[in-house]
C-alpha cells in the first residue's frame, strides 16, 4: 500500500488542512510532518526557508514516498515552491497561498485584511497575488509572529478567554482599517479561525485556503493515479502526526493536541 499524501509545515499549523482533505477523501492515507526543529519558518531568509523545506521533503520521500506532498505553509509556498518543484520533479507538490482571490470575490467594500508571517507579507509573490486578483482593493497587511508563536506553543492548552485575548490585537487592527474581509494567510491561524471570527464580529468575514488546497490536492492525486510508486513500510495509521524536534513539555502538548483531534501521534523523526 502506497501512502497518498504527506503534509509539511514548520509546526502544527497545517493540521486543519490535512483534516479538511480527509473530510473530502476519508479513505486517503496521510502523514503530517511538523518541522519543529526549524520553527518558525516565517522569520527566516528565503535561502533558509528553501534549505529547511528541501531537507524536510527529502526526509518525507525517504520515509514514506507519498503520491503527493502538500506544503501546508504559506511561507514555504510563496518563498520556495518553484525551487522545490524543480528539485523534486518526480512527485507532485501542492502549495498553499493566501486566499486573496477568494477575499476579492466576496468583499463588498473593497477593503481586505491579510494576517500572515513576516516572510509572506514582505514577499513579492504576495504583491503579485494582490495585483492579479485584488488590484481594485485596499489590502491591509499585518505580520504577526507573536500570534503564530502563541498558536504553536500555548493555544491548545489555553482557555477561551486567553485565545480571544491573543487574537484581539489583530482583530482590532483590521477593524480600524475598515476591512470587511480578513484572510488567514498563515496555516497556523486556521486553528484560531473561530476565535478570530468572534473577535472581528459579524461585519467581517474571515477566510482561509483550506478548501481550495484540499480540492487541488485531490485533483492532482487523481491525475497521478497511474504513476508507479515504490513500496514503503508505512507503519502509520490513516492519519499520523510527526515532528522533527520536541522537548518533554512539547511532547505532552503534541500528544494532547492529537488526542483532542483524534489523530495518532507518531513521535519525533530525527
C-alpha atoms as a PDB file:
ATOM      1  CA  UNK A   1       0.000   0.000   0.000  1.00  0.00           C
ATOM      2  CA  UNK A   2       1.391   3.396  -1.016  1.00  0.00           C
ATOM      3  CA  UNK A   3       0.836   6.470   1.094  1.00  0.00           C
ATOM      4  CA  UNK A   4      -1.444   9.003  -0.557  1.00  0.00           C
ATOM      5  CA  UNK A   5      -0.481  12.376   0.941  1.00  0.00           C
ATOM      6  CA  UNK A   6       2.229  13.857   3.119  1.00  0.00           C
ATOM      7  CA  UNK A   7       1.716  17.319   4.639  1.00  0.00           C
ATOM      8  CA  UNK A   8       4.564  19.651   5.592  1.00  0.00           C
ATOM      9  CA  UNK A   9       4.651  22.724   7.819  1.00  0.00           C
ATOM     10  CA  UNK A  10       7.079  24.155  10.366  1.00  0.00           C
ATOM     11  CA  UNK A  11       4.766  23.135  13.191  1.00  0.00           C
ATOM     12  CA  UNK A  12       1.118  22.280  13.795  1.00  0.00           C
ATOM     13  CA  UNK A  13      -0.328  24.968  11.533  1.00  0.00           C
ATOM     14  CA  UNK A  14      -1.240  22.778   8.584  1.00  0.00           C
ATOM     15  CA  UNK A  15      -3.171  20.147  10.541  1.00  0.00           C
ATOM     16  CA  UNK A  16      -6.563  21.740   9.710  1.00  0.00           C
ATOM     17  CA  UNK A  17      -5.591  21.426   6.040  1.00  0.00           C
ATOM     18  CA  UNK A  18      -4.985  17.699   6.436  1.00  0.00           C
ATOM     19  CA  UNK A  19      -8.305  17.325   8.262  1.00  0.00           C
ATOM     20  CA  UNK A  20     -10.097  19.287   5.533  1.00  0.00           C
ATOM     21  CA  UNK A  21      -8.719  16.951   2.870  1.00  0.00           C
ATOM     22  CA  UNK A  22      -9.583  13.912   4.959  1.00  0.00           C
ATOM     23  CA  UNK A  23     -13.192  15.083   5.242  1.00  0.00           C
ATOM     24  CA  UNK A  24     -13.388  15.211   1.463  1.00  0.00           C
ATOM     25  CA  UNK A  25     -11.465  11.953   0.904  1.00  0.00           C
ATOM     26  CA  UNK A  26     -11.913   9.788   4.043  1.00  0.00           C
ATOM     27  CA  UNK A  27     -10.078   6.773   2.658  1.00  0.00           C
ATOM     28  CA  UNK A  28      -6.896   8.718   1.914  1.00  0.00           C
ATOM     29  CA  UNK A  29      -3.813   7.778   3.940  1.00  0.00           C
ATOM     30  CA  UNK A  30      -1.949  10.842   5.209  1.00  0.00           C
ATOM     31  CA  UNK A  31       1.064  11.687   7.321  1.00  0.00           C
ATOM     32  CA  UNK A  32       1.894  15.121   8.640  1.00  0.00           C
ATOM     33  CA  UNK A  33       5.411  16.317   9.374  1.00  0.00           C
ATOM     34  CA  UNK A  34       5.866  19.408  11.504  1.00  0.00           C
ATOM     35  CA  UNK A  35       9.446  20.574  11.025  1.00  0.00           C
ATOM     36  CA  UNK A  36       9.580  21.890  14.578  1.00  0.00           C
ATOM     37  CA  UNK A  37      13.375  21.760  14.572  1.00  0.00           C
ATOM     38  CA  UNK A  38      13.305  24.802  12.277  1.00  0.00           C
ATOM     39  CA  UNK A  39      10.204  26.592  13.608  1.00  0.00           C
ATOM     40  CA  UNK A  40       9.358  29.343  12.768  1.00  0.00           C
ATOM     41  CA  UNK A  41       9.895  29.456   9.006  1.00  0.00           C
ATOM     42  CA  UNK A  42       8.210  32.853   8.765  1.00  0.00           C
ATOM     43  CA  UNK A  43      11.143  34.721  10.311  1.00  0.00           C
ATOM     44  CA  UNK A  44      13.850  33.060   8.161  1.00  0.00           C
ATOM     45  CA  UNK A  45      15.510  34.276   4.965  1.00  0.00           C
ATOM     46  CA  UNK A  46      14.381  32.881   1.632  1.00  0.00           C
ATOM     47  CA  UNK A  47      17.526  30.770   1.390  1.00  0.00           C
ATOM     48  CA  UNK A  48      16.951  29.310   4.851  1.00  0.00           C
ATOM     49  CA  UNK A  49      13.296  28.520   4.109  1.00  0.00           C
ATOM     50  CA  UNK A  50      14.247  26.743   0.882  1.00  0.00           C
ATOM     51  CA  UNK A  51      17.013  24.737   2.544  1.00  0.00           C
ATOM     52  CA  UNK A  52      14.866  23.646   5.501  1.00  0.00           C
ATOM     53  CA  UNK A  53      11.895  22.733   3.317  1.00  0.00           C
ATOM     54  CA  UNK A  54      14.096  20.791   0.877  1.00  0.00           C
ATOM     55  CA  UNK A  55      15.585  18.767   3.709  1.00  0.00           C
ATOM     56  CA  UNK A  56      12.138  18.025   5.150  1.00  0.00           C
ATOM     57  CA  UNK A  57      10.727  16.939   1.788  1.00  0.00           C
ATOM     58  CA  UNK A  58      13.681  14.647   1.179  1.00  0.00           C
ATOM     59  CA  UNK A  59      13.012  13.117   4.599  1.00  0.00           C
ATOM     60  CA  UNK A  60       9.357  12.604   3.698  1.00  0.00           C
ATOM     61  CA  UNK A  61      10.252  10.899   0.426  1.00  0.00           C
ATOM     62  CA  UNK A  62      12.857   8.666   2.051  1.00  0.00           C
ATOM     63  CA  UNK A  63      10.476   7.566   4.801  1.00  0.00           C
ATOM     64  CA  UNK A  64       7.113   7.327   3.073  1.00  0.00           C
ATOM     65  CA  UNK A  65       7.378   8.030  -0.677  1.00  0.00           C
ATOM     66  CA  UNK A  66       3.855   9.515  -0.886  1.00  0.00           C
ATOM     67  CA  UNK A  67       1.894  10.015  -4.072  1.00  0.00           C
ATOM     68  CA  UNK A  68       1.787  13.772  -3.422  1.00  0.00           C
ATOM     69  CA  UNK A  69       3.114  16.319  -0.941  1.00  0.00           C
ATOM     70  CA  UNK A  70       1.016  19.207   0.345  1.00  0.00           C
ATOM     71  CA  UNK A  71       3.107  22.135   1.532  1.00  0.00           C
ATOM     72  CA  UNK A  72       0.658  23.323   4.185  1.00  0.00           C
ATOM     73  CA  UNK A  73       2.608  26.513   4.801  1.00  0.00           C
ATOM     74  CA  UNK A  74       2.123  29.880   3.114  1.00  0.00           C
ATOM     75  CA  UNK A  75       5.704  30.962   3.825  1.00  0.00           C
ATOM     76  CA  UNK A  76       7.261  27.927   2.127  1.00  0.00           C
ATOM     77  CA  UNK A  77       4.826  28.193  -0.764  1.00  0.00           C
ATOM     78  CA  UNK A  78       5.389  31.863  -1.618  1.00  0.00           C
ATOM     79  CA  UNK A  79       9.126  31.600  -0.998  1.00  0.00           C
ATOM     80  CA  UNK A  80      10.300  28.238  -2.293  1.00  0.00           C
ATOM     81  CA  UNK A  81       7.593  26.340  -4.187  1.00  0.00           C
ATOM     82  CA  UNK A  82       9.155  26.759  -7.644  1.00  0.00           C
ATOM     83  CA  UNK A  83      12.558  25.704  -6.325  1.00  0.00           C
ATOM     84  CA  UNK A  84      11.104  22.655  -4.571  1.00  0.00           C
ATOM     85  CA  UNK A  85       9.191  21.566  -7.654  1.00  0.00           C
ATOM     86  CA  UNK A  86      12.352  21.938  -9.703  1.00  0.00           C
ATOM     87  CA  UNK A  87      14.341  19.786  -7.296  1.00  0.00           C
ATOM     88  CA  UNK A  88      11.684  17.104  -6.713  1.00  0.00           C
ATOM     89  CA  UNK A  89      10.311  16.705 -10.199  1.00  0.00           C
ATOM     90  CA  UNK A  90       9.061  13.144  -9.732  1.00  0.00           C
ATOM     91  CA  UNK A  91       6.416  13.981  -7.149  1.00  0.00           C
ATOM     92  CA  UNK A  92       3.524  16.461  -7.271  1.00  0.00           C
ATOM     93  CA  UNK A  93       3.894  19.269  -4.718  1.00  0.00           C
ATOM     94  CA  UNK A  94       0.774  21.274  -3.900  1.00  0.00           C
ATOM     95  CA  UNK A  95       1.326  24.695  -2.374  1.00  0.00           C
ATOM     96  CA  UNK A  96      -0.703  26.918  -0.065  1.00  0.00           C
ATOM     97  CA  UNK A  97      -1.017  30.630  -0.767  1.00  0.00           C
ATOM     98  CA  UNK A  98      -3.133  33.333   0.894  1.00  0.00           C
ATOM     99  CA  UNK A  99      -6.773  33.287  -0.243  1.00  0.00           C
ATOM    100  CA  UNK A 100      -6.547  36.728  -1.838  1.00  0.00           C
ATOM    101  CA  UNK A 101      -8.644  35.722  -4.846  1.00  0.00           C
ATOM    102  CA  UNK A 102     -11.409  34.382  -2.591  1.00  0.00           C
ATOM    103  CA  UNK A 103     -11.363  37.529  -0.460  1.00  0.00           C
ATOM    104  CA  UNK A 104     -11.507  39.791  -3.519  1.00  0.00           C
ATOM    105  CA  UNK A 105     -14.566  37.914  -4.767  1.00  0.00           C
ATOM    106  CA  UNK A 106     -16.559  38.305  -1.548  1.00  0.00           C
ATOM    107  CA  UNK A 107     -15.538  41.737  -0.217  1.00  0.00           C
ATOM    108  CA  UNK A 108     -18.208  44.375  -0.552  1.00  0.00           C
ATOM    109  CA  UNK A 109     -16.294  47.493   0.437  1.00  0.00           C
ATOM    110  CA  UNK A 110     -13.023  46.504  -1.311  1.00  0.00           C
ATOM    111  CA  UNK A 111     -11.059  46.611   1.940  1.00  0.00           C
ATOM    112  CA  UNK A 112      -9.262  43.341   2.699  1.00  0.00           C
ATOM    113  CA  UNK A 113      -7.024  42.375   5.601  1.00  0.00           C
ATOM    114  CA  UNK A 114      -4.169  39.872   5.383  1.00  0.00           C
ATOM    115  CA  UNK A 115      -2.817  38.251   8.544  1.00  0.00           C
ATOM    116  CA  UNK A 116       0.387  36.317   7.831  1.00  0.00           C
ATOM    117  CA  UNK A 117       4.057  35.774   8.620  1.00  0.00           C
ATOM    118  CA  UNK A 118       6.702  38.435   8.088  1.00  0.00           C
ATOM    119  CA  UNK A 119       8.103  36.459   5.146  1.00  0.00           C
ATOM    120  CA  UNK A 120       4.721  36.172   3.418  1.00  0.00           C
ATOM    121  CA  UNK A 121       3.752  39.808   3.927  1.00  0.00           C
ATOM    122  CA  UNK A 122       7.073  41.046   2.544  1.00  0.00           C
ATOM    123  CA  UNK A 123       7.399  38.621  -0.360  1.00  0.00           C
ATOM    124  CA  UNK A 124       6.921  39.883  -3.948  1.00  0.00           C
ATOM    125  CA  UNK A 125       4.754  36.834  -4.687  1.00  0.00           C
ATOM    126  CA  UNK A 126       2.164  38.174  -2.270  1.00  0.00           C
ATOM    127  CA  UNK A 127       2.164  41.507  -4.088  1.00  0.00           C
ATOM    128  CA  UNK A 128       1.726  39.625  -7.354  1.00  0.00           C
ATOM    129  CA  UNK A 129      -1.364  37.858  -5.988  1.00  0.00           C
ATOM    130  CA  UNK A 130      -2.801  41.218  -4.981  1.00  0.00           C
ATOM    131  CA  UNK A 131      -2.093  42.720  -8.412  1.00  0.00           C
ATOM    132  CA  UNK A 132      -3.614  39.722 -10.198  1.00  0.00           C
ATOM    133  CA  UNK A 133      -6.747  39.253  -8.108  1.00  0.00           C
ATOM    134  CA  UNK A 134      -7.327  42.303  -5.903  1.00  0.00           C
ATOM    135  CA  UNK A 135      -5.956  45.289  -7.785  1.00  0.00           C
ATOM    136  CA  UNK A 136      -9.164  47.227  -7.106  1.00  0.00           C
ATOM    137  CA  UNK A 137      -8.955  46.592  -3.359  1.00  0.00           C
ATOM    138  CA  UNK A 138      -7.094  48.134  -0.466  1.00  0.00           C
ATOM    139  CA  UNK A 139      -5.179  45.317   1.236  1.00  0.00           C
ATOM    140  CA  UNK A 140      -4.064  45.988   4.810  1.00  0.00           C
ATOM    141  CA  UNK A 141      -1.321  43.552   5.768  1.00  0.00           C
ATOM    142  CA  UNK A 142      -0.271  42.530   9.260  1.00  0.00           C
ATOM    143  CA  UNK A 143       2.672  40.279  10.112  1.00  0.00           C
ATOM    144  CA  UNK A 144       2.105  38.665  13.488  1.00  0.00           C
ATOM    145  CA  UNK A 145       4.918  36.289  14.583  1.00  0.00           C
ATOM    146  CA  UNK A 146       3.814  36.676  18.217  1.00  0.00           C
ATOM    147  CA  UNK A 147       0.395  35.210  17.421  1.00  0.00           C
ATOM    148  CA  UNK A 148       1.978  32.362  15.442  1.00  0.00           C
ATOM    149  CA  UNK A 149       4.139  31.553  18.435  1.00  0.00           C
ATOM    150  CA  UNK A 150       1.056  31.561  20.662  1.00  0.00           C
ATOM    151  CA  UNK A 151      -0.761  29.107  18.395  1.00  0.00           C
ATOM    152  CA  UNK A 152       2.203  26.745  18.240  1.00  0.00           C
ATOM    153  CA  UNK A 153       3.135  26.809  21.914  1.00  0.00           C
ATOM    154  CA  UNK A 154       0.147  27.909  24.003  1.00  0.00           C
ATOM    155  CA  UNK A 155      -3.124  27.696  22.078  1.00  0.00           C
ATOM    156  CA  UNK A 156      -4.001  24.054  22.688  1.00  0.00           C
ATOM    157  CA  UNK A 157      -3.893  24.413  26.469  1.00  0.00           C
ATOM    158  CA  UNK A 158      -5.314  27.931  26.575  1.00  0.00           C
ATOM    159  CA  UNK A 159      -8.751  28.929  27.815  1.00  0.00           C
ATOM    160  CA  UNK A 160     -11.268  30.577  25.512  1.00  0.00           C
ATOM    161  CA  UNK A 161     -10.587  33.895  27.246  1.00  0.00           C
ATOM    162  CA  UNK A 162      -6.833  33.544  26.637  1.00  0.00           C
ATOM    163  CA  UNK A 163      -7.414  32.655  22.992  1.00  0.00           C
ATOM    164  CA  UNK A 164      -9.664  35.648  22.394  1.00  0.00           C
ATOM    165  CA  UNK A 165      -7.172  37.929  24.108  1.00  0.00           C
ATOM    166  CA  UNK A 166      -4.390  36.601  21.867  1.00  0.00           C
ATOM    167  CA  UNK A 167      -6.285  37.478  18.664  1.00  0.00           C
ATOM    168  CA  UNK A 168      -7.774  40.766  19.865  1.00  0.00           C
ATOM    169  CA  UNK A 169      -4.884  42.984  18.747  1.00  0.00           C
ATOM    170  CA  UNK A 170      -5.023  41.652  15.195  1.00  0.00           C
ATOM    171  CA  UNK A 171      -8.824  41.868  15.078  1.00  0.00           C
ATOM    172  CA  UNK A 172      -8.737  45.469  16.326  1.00  0.00           C
ATOM    173  CA  UNK A 173      -6.158  46.352  13.670  1.00  0.00           C
ATOM    174  CA  UNK A 174      -8.394  45.144  10.844  1.00  0.00           C
ATOM    175  CA  UNK A 175     -11.472  46.829  12.335  1.00  0.00           C
ATOM    176  CA  UNK A 176      -9.610  50.157  12.387  1.00  0.00           C
ATOM    177  CA  UNK A 177      -8.597  49.594   8.763  1.00  0.00           C
ATOM    178  CA  UNK A 178     -12.274  49.187   7.866  1.00  0.00           C
ATOM    179  CA  UNK A 179     -11.822  45.700   6.420  1.00  0.00           C
ATOM    180  CA  UNK A 180     -14.916  43.620   5.728  1.00  0.00           C
ATOM    181  CA  UNK A 181     -12.857  40.527   4.837  1.00  0.00           C
ATOM    182  CA  UNK A 182      -9.782  39.123   6.587  1.00  0.00           C
ATOM    183  CA  UNK A 183      -7.513  36.451   5.127  1.00  0.00           C
ATOM    184  CA  UNK A 184      -5.749  33.996   7.412  1.00  0.00           C
ATOM    185  CA  UNK A 185      -2.528  33.898   5.398  1.00  0.00           C
ATOM    186  CA  UNK A 186      -0.580  31.538   7.648  1.00  0.00           C
ATOM    187  CA  UNK A 187      -1.799  27.997   8.170  1.00  0.00           C
ATOM    188  CA  UNK A 188      -1.241  28.333  11.930  1.00  0.00           C
ATOM    189  CA  UNK A 189      -4.069  30.833  12.004  1.00  0.00           C
ATOM    190  CA  UNK A 190      -6.615  28.277  10.795  1.00  0.00           C
ATOM    191  CA  UNK A 191      -6.539  26.871  14.335  1.00  0.00           C
ATOM    192  CA  UNK A 192      -7.846  30.198  15.635  1.00  0.00           C
ATOM    193  CA  UNK A 193     -10.339  30.839  12.822  1.00  0.00           C
ATOM    194  CA  UNK A 194     -13.334  30.644  15.164  1.00  0.00           C
ATOM    195  CA  UNK A 195     -11.743  32.945  17.731  1.00  0.00           C
ATOM    196  CA  UNK A 196     -10.709  35.383  15.018  1.00  0.00           C
ATOM    197  CA  UNK A 197     -14.213  35.438  13.574  1.00  0.00           C
ATOM    198  CA  UNK A 198     -15.686  36.056  17.021  1.00  0.00           C
ATOM    199  CA  UNK A 199     -13.203  38.855  17.766  1.00  0.00           C
ATOM    200  CA  UNK A 200     -13.759  40.512  14.384  1.00  0.00           C
ATOM    201  CA  UNK A 201     -17.551  40.370  14.656  1.00  0.00           C
ATOM    202  CA  UNK A 202     -20.302  39.646  12.175  1.00  0.00           C
ATOM    203  CA  UNK A 203     -19.424  42.577   9.900  1.00  0.00           C
ATOM    204  CA  UNK A 204     -16.133  40.943   8.902  1.00  0.00           C
ATOM    205  CA  UNK A 205     -15.783  37.647   7.028  1.00  0.00           C
ATOM    206  CA  UNK A 206     -12.711  35.567   7.939  1.00  0.00           C
ATOM    207  CA  UNK A 207     -11.432  33.297   5.141  1.00  0.00           C
ATOM    208  CA  UNK A 208      -8.599  30.855   4.503  1.00  0.00           C
ATOM    209  CA  UNK A 209      -7.456  28.474   1.757  1.00  0.00           C
ATOM    210  CA  UNK A 210      -8.249  25.055   3.285  1.00  0.00           C
ATOM    211  CA  UNK A 211     -10.932  24.020   0.818  1.00  0.00           C
ATOM    212  CA  UNK A 212      -9.016  25.197  -2.235  1.00  0.00           C
ATOM    213  CA  UNK A 213      -5.843  23.375  -1.224  1.00  0.00           C
ATOM    214  CA  UNK A 214      -7.711  20.157  -0.407  1.00  0.00           C
ATOM    215  CA  UNK A 215      -9.561  20.234  -3.727  1.00  0.00           C
ATOM    216  CA  UNK A 216      -6.351  20.856  -5.671  1.00  0.00           C
ATOM    217  CA  UNK A 217      -4.543  18.025  -3.867  1.00  0.00           C
ATOM    218  CA  UNK A 218      -7.367  15.604  -4.651  1.00  0.00           C
ATOM    219  CA  UNK A 219      -7.393  16.649  -8.295  1.00  0.00           C
ATOM    220  CA  UNK A 220      -3.642  16.195  -8.525  1.00  0.00           C
ATOM    221  CA  UNK A 221      -3.614  12.735  -6.991  1.00  0.00           C
ATOM    222  CA  UNK A 222      -6.343  11.623  -9.401  1.00  0.00           C
ATOM    223  CA  UNK A 223      -4.256  12.921 -12.298  1.00  0.00           C
ATOM    224  CA  UNK A 224      -1.270  10.984 -10.975  1.00  0.00           C
ATOM    225  CA  UNK A 225      -3.208   7.795 -10.185  1.00  0.00           C
ATOM    226  CA  UNK A 226      -1.451   5.807 -12.859  1.00  0.00           C
ATOM    227  CA  UNK A 227       2.031   6.748 -11.748  1.00  0.00           C
ATOM    228  CA  UNK A 228       4.038   3.856 -10.292  1.00  0.00           C
ATOM    229  CA  UNK A 229       5.180   4.223  -6.692  1.00  0.00           C
ATOM    230  CA  UNK A 230       7.791   2.235  -4.840  1.00  0.00           C
ATOM    231  CA  UNK A 231       6.803   0.183  -1.831  1.00  0.00           C
ATOM    232  CA  UNK A 232       7.467   1.512   1.641  1.00  0.00           C
ATOM    233  CA  UNK A 233       6.986   0.119   5.117  1.00  0.00           C
ATOM    234  CA  UNK A 234       4.406   2.671   6.182  1.00  0.00           C
ATOM    235  CA  UNK A 235       3.670   1.621   9.758  1.00  0.00           C
ATOM    236  CA  UNK A 236       1.273   4.559  10.078  1.00  0.00           C
ATOM    237  CA  UNK A 237      -2.434   4.923  10.717  1.00  0.00           C
ATOM    238  CA  UNK A 238      -4.844   6.610   8.316  1.00  0.00           C
ATOM    239  CA  UNK A 239      -3.714   9.961   9.742  1.00  0.00           C
ATOM    240  CA  UNK A 240      -0.483  10.344  11.704  1.00  0.00           C
ATOM    241  CA  UNK A 241       1.336  13.399  13.046  1.00  0.00           C
ATOM    242  CA  UNK A 242       5.134  13.577  13.391  1.00  0.00           C
ATOM    243  CA  UNK A 243       7.579  16.301  14.423  1.00  0.00           C
ATOM    244  CA  UNK A 244      11.330  16.751  13.948  1.00  0.00           C
ATOM    245  CA  UNK A 245      12.073  18.053  17.453  1.00  0.00           C
ATOM    246  CA  UNK A 246      10.283  18.309  20.794  1.00  0.00           C
ATOM    247  CA  UNK A 247      11.122  18.898  24.437  1.00  0.00           C
ATOM    248  CA  UNK A 248       9.357  16.841  27.103  1.00  0.00           C
ATOM    249  CA  UNK A 249       6.805  19.601  27.663  1.00  0.00           C
ATOM    250  CA  UNK A 250       6.243  19.986  23.921  1.00  0.00           C
ATOM    251  CA  UNK A 251       5.762  16.239  23.548  1.00  0.00           C
ATOM    252  CA  UNK A 252       2.999  16.418  26.138  1.00  0.00           C
ATOM    253  CA  UNK A 253       1.365  19.296  24.248  1.00  0.00           C
ATOM    254  CA  UNK A 254       1.528  17.454  20.928  1.00  0.00           C
ATOM    255  CA  UNK A 255       0.022  14.341  22.499  1.00  0.00           C
ATOM    256  CA  UNK A 256      -2.793  16.437  23.951  1.00  0.00           C
ATOM    257  CA  UNK A 257      -3.396  18.029  20.554  1.00  0.00           C
ATOM    258  CA  UNK A 258      -3.557  14.641  18.858  1.00  0.00           C
ATOM    259  CA  UNK A 259      -5.906  13.262  21.495  1.00  0.00           C
ATOM    260  CA  UNK A 260      -8.226  16.242  21.050  1.00  0.00           C
ATOM    261  CA  UNK A 261      -8.243  15.819  17.266  1.00  0.00           C
ATOM    262  CA  UNK A 262      -8.270  12.014  17.354  1.00  0.00           C
ATOM    263  CA  UNK A 263      -5.021  11.803  15.380  1.00  0.00           C
ATOM    264  CA  UNK A 264      -2.292   9.281  16.299  1.00  0.00           C
ATOM    265  CA  UNK A 265       0.987  10.900  17.338  1.00  0.00           C
ATOM    266  CA  UNK A 266       3.884   9.195  15.582  1.00  0.00           C
ATOM    267  CA  UNK A 267       6.610  10.847  17.640  1.00  0.00           C
ATOM    268  CA  UNK A 268       9.860  12.579  16.735  1.00  0.00           C
ATOM    269  CA  UNK A 269      11.635  11.861  13.459  1.00  0.00           C
ATOM    270  CA  UNK A 270      15.313  12.801  13.554  1.00  0.00           C
END
